[in-house]
C-alpha atoms as a PDB file:
ATOM      1  CA  UNK A   1     -14.443 -10.146 -17.064  1.00  0.00           C
ATOM      2  CA  UNK A   2     -17.111 -12.401 -14.911  1.00  0.00           C
ATOM      3  CA  UNK A   3     -19.169 -10.279 -12.680  1.00  0.00           C
ATOM      4  CA  UNK A   4     -17.896 -12.144  -9.747  1.00  0.00           C
ATOM      5  CA  UNK A   5     -14.398 -11.464 -10.419  1.00  0.00           C
ATOM      6  CA  UNK A   6     -14.741  -7.559 -10.942  1.00  0.00           C
ATOM      7  CA  UNK A   7     -16.435  -7.524  -7.649  1.00  0.00           C
ATOM      8  CA  UNK A   8     -13.753  -9.449  -5.881  1.00  0.00           C
ATOM      9  CA  UNK A   9     -11.142  -6.980  -7.464  1.00  0.00           C
ATOM     10  CA  UNK A  10     -13.127  -3.968  -6.313  1.00  0.00           C
ATOM     11  CA  UNK A  11     -13.218  -5.430  -2.771  1.00  0.00           C
ATOM     12  CA  UNK A  12      -9.540  -5.906  -2.756  1.00  0.00           C
ATOM     13  CA  UNK A  13      -9.039  -2.124  -3.869  1.00  0.00           C
ATOM     14  CA  UNK A  14     -11.397  -1.123  -1.212  1.00  0.00           C
ATOM     15  CA  UNK A  15      -9.356  -3.196   1.319  1.00  0.00           C
ATOM     16  CA  UNK A  16      -6.155  -1.966  -0.169  1.00  0.00           C
ATOM     17  CA  UNK A  17      -6.871   1.792   0.600  1.00  0.00           C
ATOM     18  CA  UNK A  18      -8.247   1.101   3.903  1.00  0.00           C
ATOM     19  CA  UNK A  19      -5.326  -0.922   5.054  1.00  0.00           C
ATOM     20  CA  UNK A  20      -2.577   1.034   3.083  1.00  0.00           C
ATOM     21  CA  UNK A  21      -3.859   4.397   3.241  1.00  0.00           C
ATOM     22  CA  UNK A  22      -6.279   4.415   6.105  1.00  0.00           C
ATOM     23  CA  UNK A  23      -9.010   5.759   3.708  1.00  0.00           C
ATOM     24  CA  UNK A  24     -12.193   4.209   2.981  1.00  0.00           C
ATOM     25  CA  UNK A  25     -13.548   4.504  -0.641  1.00  0.00           C
ATOM     26  CA  UNK A  26     -16.847   3.460  -1.917  1.00  0.00           C
ATOM     27  CA  UNK A  27     -17.694   0.846  -4.475  1.00  0.00           C
ATOM     28  CA  UNK A  28     -17.623   3.360  -7.597  1.00  0.00           C
ATOM     29  CA  UNK A  29     -14.457   4.894  -6.491  1.00  0.00           C
ATOM     30  CA  UNK A  30     -12.926   1.285  -6.307  1.00  0.00           C
ATOM     31  CA  UNK A  31     -14.535   0.474  -9.707  1.00  0.00           C
ATOM     32  CA  UNK A  32     -12.989   3.662 -11.094  1.00  0.00           C
ATOM     33  CA  UNK A  33      -9.426   2.816  -9.946  1.00  0.00           C
ATOM     34  CA  UNK A  34      -9.935  -0.763 -11.455  1.00  0.00           C
ATOM     35  CA  UNK A  35     -11.080   0.900 -14.942  1.00  0.00           C
ATOM     36  CA  UNK A  36      -8.018   3.142 -14.628  1.00  0.00           C
ATOM     37  CA  UNK A  37      -5.591   0.196 -13.837  1.00  0.00           C
ATOM     38  CA  UNK A  38      -7.056  -2.091 -16.555  1.00  0.00           C
ATOM     39  CA  UNK A  39      -7.043   0.602 -19.254  1.00  0.00           C
ATOM     40  CA  UNK A  40      -3.925   2.729 -18.519  1.00  0.00           C
ATOM     41  CA  UNK A  41      -1.617   0.205 -16.749  1.00  0.00           C
ATOM     42  CA  UNK A  42      -2.880  -3.208 -17.822  1.00  0.00           C
ATOM     43  CA  UNK A  43      -1.664  -2.924 -21.513  1.00  0.00           C
ATOM     44  CA  UNK A  44       1.903  -2.461 -20.038  1.00  0.00           C
ATOM     45  CA  UNK A  45       1.975  -5.398 -17.793  1.00  0.00           C
ATOM     46  CA  UNK A  46      -0.080  -7.456 -20.707  1.00  0.00           C
ATOM     47  CA  UNK A  47       2.805  -6.600 -23.089  1.00  0.00           C
ATOM     48  CA  UNK A  48       5.548  -7.464 -20.521  1.00  0.00           C
ATOM     49  CA  UNK A  49       4.109 -10.934 -20.130  1.00  0.00           C
ATOM     50  CA  UNK A  50       3.834 -11.292 -23.820  1.00  0.00           C
ATOM     51  CA  UNK A  51       7.497 -10.566 -24.187  1.00  0.00           C
ATOM     52  CA  UNK A  52       8.242 -12.986 -21.232  1.00  0.00           C
ATOM     53  CA  UNK A  53       6.449 -15.879 -23.018  1.00  0.00           C
ATOM     54  CA  UNK A  54       8.389 -14.876 -26.326  1.00  0.00           C
ATOM     55  CA  UNK A  55      11.619 -15.198 -24.230  1.00  0.00           C
ATOM     56  CA  UNK A  56      10.684 -18.440 -22.670  1.00  0.00           C
ATOM     57  CA  UNK A  57       9.405 -20.026 -26.027  1.00  0.00           C
ATOM     58  CA  UNK A  58      12.600 -19.053 -27.753  1.00  0.00           C
ATOM     59  CA  UNK A  59      14.578 -20.802 -25.041  1.00  0.00           C
ATOM     60  CA  UNK A  60      12.364 -23.850 -24.978  1.00  0.00           C
ATOM     61  CA  UNK A  61      12.684 -24.119 -29.139  1.00  0.00           C
ATOM     62  CA  UNK A  62      16.499 -23.880 -28.716  1.00  0.00           C
ATOM     63  CA  UNK A  63      16.408 -26.741 -26.399  1.00  0.00           C
ATOM     64  CA  UNK A  64      14.117 -28.433 -28.699  1.00  0.00           C
ATOM     65  CA  UNK A  65      16.468 -27.938 -31.465  1.00  0.00           C
ATOM     66  CA  UNK A  66      19.597 -29.137 -29.473  1.00  0.00           C
ATOM     67  CA  UNK A  67      17.679 -32.247 -28.559  1.00  0.00           C
ATOM     68  CA  UNK A  68      16.812 -32.946 -32.190  1.00  0.00           C
ATOM     69  CA  UNK A  69      20.148 -32.625 -33.328  1.00  0.00           C
ATOM     70  CA  UNK A  70      21.474 -34.965 -30.617  1.00  0.00           C
ATOM     71  CA  UNK A  71      19.267 -37.388 -32.047  1.00  0.00           C
ATOM     72  CA  UNK A  72      20.437 -37.431 -35.530  1.00  0.00           C
ATOM     73  CA  UNK A  73      22.375 -40.431 -36.903  1.00  0.00           C
ATOM     74  CA  UNK A  74      25.971 -40.312 -38.517  1.00  0.00           C
ATOM     75  CA  UNK A  75      25.416 -40.129 -42.347  1.00  0.00           C
ATOM     76  CA  UNK A  76      27.680 -42.833 -43.967  1.00  0.00           C
ATOM     77  CA  UNK A  77      27.317 -40.643 -47.318  1.00  0.00           C
ATOM     78  CA  UNK A  78      28.906 -37.651 -45.401  1.00  0.00           C
ATOM     79  CA  UNK A  79      32.048 -39.662 -44.205  1.00  0.00           C
ATOM     80  CA  UNK A  80      33.303 -41.050 -47.823  1.00  0.00           C
END
């Protein structure tokens, strides 16, 4: 993760703790929270995103298959 993005996330965690819990936490504590989220919670969220992407891809593929079927021309050999 780029250094600037990590810094931004740490600041957001600090802001969250201050606004939601009326608690000030230092940069190290916020970095530990970020590490916990990324290592323990992140994979679950990532996998959910992948599952959503698979579902969307399957829907798109079905739509493409239907569109391609609609483009088929009648085969005169089949009607004989």
